[in-house]
Amino acid sequence: ASVCEPAQKCCAENIQPFLSSILEELMGPISSGFTQVRSLFDKEVNEIIQDFQKTNDMTRLKENVDQLMSLPYNSVKMEPCYLKVNQLQELLHDLKSRFKAYHIDSVIQRTQNFMQELMENAVYTFEQLFSPSHQADSAKVATTIEKVKLRVLK
């Protein structure tokens, strides 16, 4: 009882007024990272479509879709997404000094884990909705891939 009132007062005066601006600052790099994940998925599927339109090769299409499934684990391709979130390091450093916020690295790591999980979900959903082996009419394959991509991105 003797600590509750001073703690609430301290929180109301020193933390509460800054929360919305802190969240706004943090969401910039986080949103940017997730937008980068979305763009990467879009780019990779577009490359599959373009390759299929050039070759019209169902075996190669299957290989490309299999490669897409490993995209979440491809650190080279995912790195630009992760780098967007690394900007949090500077923002959170300021918070650490002002509010004694610790575990900054874990916030960044968790965000990057969520980004990888989002990509895993996207490629899994893509695979479930589009199976090259079930495509009988190769003329409609590119259109089908595009529709599936748009559905996943939705």
C-alpha atoms as a PDB file:
ATOM      1  CA  ALA A   1       0.000   0.000   0.000  1.00  0.00           C
ATOM      2  CA  SER A   2       2.853   2.389   0.745  1.00  0.00           C
ATOM      3  CA  VAL A   3       4.532   1.709  -2.620  1.00  0.00           C
ATOM      4  CA  CYS A   4       1.457   1.569  -4.855  1.00  0.00           C
ATOM      5  CA  GLU A   5       0.582   5.266  -4.850  1.00  0.00           C
ATOM      6  CA  PRO A   6       4.132   6.588  -5.479  1.00  0.00           C
ATOM      7  CA  ALA A   7       4.643   3.969  -8.196  1.00  0.00           C
ATOM      8  CA  GLN A   8       1.404   4.924  -9.946  1.00  0.00           C
ATOM      9  CA  LYS A   9       2.331   8.611  -9.697  1.00  0.00           C
ATOM     10  CA  CYS A  10       5.808   7.965 -11.097  1.00  0.00           C
ATOM     11  CA  CYS A  11       4.385   5.904 -13.950  1.00  0.00           C
ATOM     12  CA  ALA A  12       1.704   8.499 -14.747  1.00  0.00           C
ATOM     13  CA  GLU A  13       4.215  11.369 -14.778  1.00  0.00           C
ATOM     14  CA  ASN A  14       7.345   9.783 -16.234  1.00  0.00           C
ATOM     15  CA  ILE A  15       6.199   6.958 -18.502  1.00  0.00           C
ATOM     16  CA  GLN A  16       2.548   7.269 -19.576  1.00  0.00           C
ATOM     17  CA  PRO A  17       2.986  10.592 -21.457  1.00  0.00           C
ATOM     18  CA  PHE A  18       5.741   9.078 -23.607  1.00  0.00           C
ATOM     19  CA  LEU A  19       4.178   5.701 -24.461  1.00  0.00           C
ATOM     20  CA  SER A  20       2.379   6.722 -27.651  1.00  0.00           C
ATOM     21  CA  SER A  21       5.442   8.463 -29.081  1.00  0.00           C
ATOM     22  CA  ILE A  22       7.656   5.515 -28.102  1.00  0.00           C
ATOM     23  CA  LEU A  23       5.306   3.049 -29.815  1.00  0.00           C
ATOM     24  CA  GLU A  24       5.170   5.251 -32.895  1.00  0.00           C
ATOM     25  CA  GLU A  25       8.982   5.352 -33.096  1.00  0.00           C
ATOM     26  CA  LEU A  26       9.290   1.607 -32.600  1.00  0.00           C
ATOM     27  CA  MET A  27       6.651   0.750 -35.172  1.00  0.00           C
ATOM     28  CA  GLY A  28       8.569   2.474 -37.988  1.00  0.00           C
ATOM     29  CA  PRO A  29      11.377  -0.092 -38.250  1.00  0.00           C
ATOM     30  CA  ILE A  30       9.067  -2.974 -37.345  1.00  0.00           C
ATOM     31  CA  SER A  31       6.544  -2.064 -40.053  1.00  0.00           C
ATOM     32  CA  SER A  32       9.376  -1.520 -42.499  1.00  0.00           C
ATOM     33  CA  GLY A  33      10.743  -4.997 -41.760  1.00  0.00           C
ATOM     34  CA  PHE A  34       7.390  -6.687 -42.257  1.00  0.00           C
ATOM     35  CA  THR A  35       6.824  -4.712 -45.461  1.00  0.00           C
ATOM     36  CA  GLN A  36      10.210  -5.969 -46.654  1.00  0.00           C
ATOM     37  CA  VAL A  37       9.103  -9.578 -45.936  1.00  0.00           C
ATOM     38  CA  ARG A  38       5.985  -9.006 -48.018  1.00  0.00           C
ATOM     39  CA  SER A  39       8.011  -7.481 -50.858  1.00  0.00           C
ATOM     40  CA  LEU A  40      10.497 -10.349 -50.807  1.00  0.00           C
ATOM     41  CA  PHE A  41       7.719 -12.935 -51.085  1.00  0.00           C
ATOM     42  CA  ASP A  42       6.112 -10.950 -53.913  1.00  0.00           C
ATOM     43  CA  LYS A  43       9.445 -10.657 -55.764  1.00  0.00           C
ATOM     44  CA  GLU A  44      10.265 -14.351 -55.427  1.00  0.00           C
ATOM     45  CA  VAL A  45       6.857 -15.459 -56.709  1.00  0.00           C
ATOM     46  CA  ASN A  46       7.069 -12.983 -59.594  1.00  0.00           C
ATOM     47  CA  GLU A  47      10.405 -14.551 -60.555  1.00  0.00           C
ATOM     48  CA  ILE A  48       8.764 -17.985 -60.546  1.00  0.00           C
ATOM     49  CA  ILE A  49       6.021 -16.670 -62.844  1.00  0.00           C
ATOM     50  CA  GLN A  50       8.518 -15.043 -65.224  1.00  0.00           C
ATOM     51  CA  ASP A  51      10.682 -18.147 -65.337  1.00  0.00           C
ATOM     52  CA  PHE A  52       7.688 -20.343 -66.100  1.00  0.00           C
ATOM     53  CA  GLN A  53       6.471 -17.987 -68.831  1.00  0.00           C
ATOM     54  CA  LYS A  54       9.906 -18.201 -70.478  1.00  0.00           C
ATOM     55  CA  THR A  55      10.414 -21.963 -70.154  1.00  0.00           C
ATOM     56  CA  ASN A  56       6.907 -23.450 -69.809  1.00  0.00           C
ATOM     57  CA  ASP A  57       8.682 -26.287 -67.988  1.00  0.00           C
ATOM     58  CA  MET A  58       6.575 -27.950 -65.275  1.00  0.00           C
ATOM     59  CA  THR A  59       9.588 -29.756 -63.773  1.00  0.00           C
ATOM     60  CA  ARG A  60      11.469 -26.508 -63.384  1.00  0.00           C
ATOM     61  CA  LEU A  61       8.346 -24.897 -61.939  1.00  0.00           C
ATOM     62  CA  LYS A  62       8.205 -27.608 -59.290  1.00  0.00           C
ATOM     63  CA  GLU A  63      11.889 -27.005 -58.462  1.00  0.00           C
ATOM     64  CA  ASN A  64      11.286 -23.249 -58.177  1.00  0.00           C
ATOM     65  CA  VAL A  65       8.320 -23.770 -55.855  1.00  0.00           C
ATOM     66  CA  ASP A  66      10.450 -26.141 -53.760  1.00  0.00           C
ATOM     67  CA  GLN A  67      13.120 -23.423 -53.539  1.00  0.00           C
ATOM     68  CA  LEU A  68      10.450 -20.936 -52.483  1.00  0.00           C
ATOM     69  CA  MET A  69       9.635 -23.225 -49.563  1.00  0.00           C
ATOM     70  CA  SER A  70      13.167 -22.738 -48.214  1.00  0.00           C
ATOM     71  CA  LEU A  71      12.966 -18.932 -48.446  1.00  0.00           C
ATOM     72  CA  PRO A  72      12.325 -18.375 -44.706  1.00  0.00           C
ATOM     73  CA  TYR A  73      15.576 -20.196 -43.932  1.00  0.00           C
ATOM     74  CA  ASN A  74      17.651 -18.411 -46.574  1.00  0.00           C
ATOM     75  CA  SER A  75      19.564 -15.921 -44.438  1.00  0.00           C
ATOM     76  CA  VAL A  76      20.999 -14.097 -47.456  1.00  0.00           C
ATOM     77  CA  LYS A  77      17.576 -13.318 -48.927  1.00  0.00           C
ATOM     78  CA  MET A  78      15.970 -12.613 -45.545  1.00  0.00           C
ATOM     79  CA  GLU A  79      18.809 -10.360 -44.365  1.00  0.00           C
ATOM     80  CA  PRO A  80      17.395  -7.114 -45.847  1.00  0.00           C
ATOM     81  CA  CYS A  81      14.213  -7.763 -43.855  1.00  0.00           C
ATOM     82  CA  TYR A  82      16.189  -8.323 -40.674  1.00  0.00           C
ATOM     83  CA  LEU A  83      18.328  -5.237 -41.254  1.00  0.00           C
ATOM     84  CA  LYS A  84      15.229  -3.027 -41.224  1.00  0.00           C
ATOM     85  CA  VAL A  85      14.533  -4.168 -37.668  1.00  0.00           C
ATOM     86  CA  ASN A  86      18.143  -3.654 -36.594  1.00  0.00           C
ATOM     87  CA  GLN A  87      17.367   0.066 -36.675  1.00  0.00           C
ATOM     88  CA  LEU A  88      15.562  -0.610 -33.402  1.00  0.00           C
ATOM     89  CA  GLN A  89      18.976  -0.955 -31.762  1.00  0.00           C
ATOM     90  CA  GLU A  90      19.500   2.820 -31.872  1.00  0.00           C
ATOM     91  CA  LEU A  91      15.936   3.657 -30.883  1.00  0.00           C
ATOM     92  CA  LEU A  92      15.929   1.201 -28.011  1.00  0.00           C
ATOM     93  CA  HIS A  93      19.329   2.424 -26.838  1.00  0.00           C
ATOM     94  CA  ASP A  94      17.730   5.800 -26.077  1.00  0.00           C
ATOM     95  CA  LEU A  95      14.922   4.058 -24.213  1.00  0.00           C
ATOM     96  CA  LYS A  96      17.407   2.050 -22.223  1.00  0.00           C
ATOM     97  CA  SER A  97      19.030   5.175 -20.845  1.00  0.00           C
ATOM     98  CA  ARG A  98      15.766   7.041 -20.239  1.00  0.00           C
ATOM     99  CA  PHE A  99      13.606   4.243 -18.854  1.00  0.00           C
ATOM    100  CA  LYS A 100      16.121   1.602 -17.801  1.00  0.00           C
ATOM    101  CA  ALA A 101      14.761  -0.665 -20.554  1.00  0.00           C
ATOM    102  CA  TYR A 102      16.831  -3.822 -20.829  1.00  0.00           C
ATOM    103  CA  HIS A 103      16.761  -6.877 -23.083  1.00  0.00           C
ATOM    104  CA  ILE A 104      16.910  -4.777 -26.240  1.00  0.00           C
ATOM    105  CA  ASP A 105      18.497  -7.606 -28.197  1.00  0.00           C
ATOM    106  CA  SER A 106      15.654  -9.930 -27.297  1.00  0.00           C
ATOM    107  CA  VAL A 107      13.099  -7.449 -28.673  1.00  0.00           C
ATOM    108  CA  ILE A 108      14.984  -7.351 -31.968  1.00  0.00           C
ATOM    109  CA  GLN A 109      15.457 -11.142 -32.027  1.00  0.00           C
ATOM    110  CA  ARG A 110      11.775 -11.785 -31.334  1.00  0.00           C
ATOM    111  CA  THR A 111      10.756  -9.378 -34.068  1.00  0.00           C
ATOM    112  CA  GLN A 112      13.066 -11.142 -36.517  1.00  0.00           C
ATOM    113  CA  ASN A 113      11.643 -14.499 -35.408  1.00  0.00           C
ATOM    114  CA  PHE A 114       8.130 -13.213 -36.130  1.00  0.00           C
ATOM    115  CA  MET A 115       9.303 -12.070 -39.557  1.00  0.00           C
ATOM    116  CA  GLN A 116      10.665 -15.530 -40.321  1.00  0.00           C
ATOM    117  CA  GLU A 117       7.453 -17.097 -39.047  1.00  0.00           C
ATOM    118  CA  LEU A 118       5.419 -14.798 -41.286  1.00  0.00           C
ATOM    119  CA  MET A 119       7.477 -15.894 -44.294  1.00  0.00           C
ATOM    120  CA  GLU A 120       7.093 -19.553 -43.273  1.00  0.00           C
ATOM    121  CA  ASN A 121       3.325 -19.085 -43.158  1.00  0.00           C
ATOM    122  CA  ALA A 122       3.287 -17.296 -46.514  1.00  0.00           C
ATOM    123  CA  VAL A 123       5.253 -19.961 -48.388  1.00  0.00           C
ATOM    124  CA  TYR A 124       3.330 -22.789 -46.677  1.00  0.00           C
ATOM    125  CA  THR A 125       0.011 -21.202 -47.630  1.00  0.00           C
ATOM    126  CA  PHE A 126       1.273 -20.666 -51.165  1.00  0.00           C
ATOM    127  CA  GLU A 127       2.263 -24.317 -51.418  1.00  0.00           C
ATOM    128  CA  GLN A 128      -1.101 -25.476 -50.079  1.00  0.00           C
ATOM    129  CA  LEU A 129      -3.073 -23.312 -52.493  1.00  0.00           C
ATOM    130  CA  PHE A 130      -0.882 -24.007 -55.511  1.00  0.00           C
ATOM    131  CA  SER A 131       0.384 -27.419 -56.357  1.00  0.00           C
ATOM    132  CA  PRO A 132       2.187 -27.606 -59.722  1.00  0.00           C
ATOM    133  CA  SER A 133       1.439 -31.308 -59.962  1.00  0.00           C
ATOM    134  CA  HIS A 134      -2.312 -30.575 -60.051  1.00  0.00           C
ATOM    135  CA  GLN A 135      -2.022 -28.078 -62.900  1.00  0.00           C
ATOM    136  CA  ALA A 136      -3.172 -29.789 -66.070  1.00  0.00           C
ATOM    137  CA  ASP A 137      -3.370 -26.732 -68.336  1.00  0.00           C
ATOM    138  CA  SER A 138       0.067 -25.122 -68.512  1.00  0.00           C
ATOM    139  CA  ALA A 139      -1.437 -22.074 -70.248  1.00  0.00           C
ATOM    140  CA  LYS A 140      -3.252 -21.129 -67.033  1.00  0.00           C
ATOM    141  CA  VAL A 141      -0.381 -21.843 -64.625  1.00  0.00           C
ATOM    142  CA  ALA A 142       1.058 -18.308 -64.570  1.00  0.00           C
ATOM    143  CA  THR A 143      -2.401 -16.838 -63.974  1.00  0.00           C
ATOM    144  CA  THR A 144      -3.052 -19.354 -61.206  1.00  0.00           C
ATOM    145  CA  ILE A 145       0.279 -18.562 -59.525  1.00  0.00           C
ATOM    146  CA  GLU A 146      -0.547 -14.834 -59.640  1.00  0.00           C
ATOM    147  CA  LYS A 147      -3.987 -15.432 -58.103  1.00  0.00           C
ATOM    148  CA  VAL A 148      -2.512 -17.596 -55.353  1.00  0.00           C
ATOM    149  CA  LYS A 149       0.185 -14.991 -54.654  1.00  0.00           C
ATOM    150  CA  LEU A 150      -2.426 -12.254 -54.319  1.00  0.00           C
ATOM    151  CA  ARG A 151      -4.493 -14.449 -52.034  1.00  0.00           C
ATOM    152  CA  VAL A 152      -1.481 -15.127 -49.791  1.00  0.00           C
ATOM    153  CA  LEU A 153      -0.544 -11.446 -49.689  1.00  0.00           C
ATOM    154  CA  LYS A 154      -4.085 -10.566 -48.718  1.00  0.00           C
END
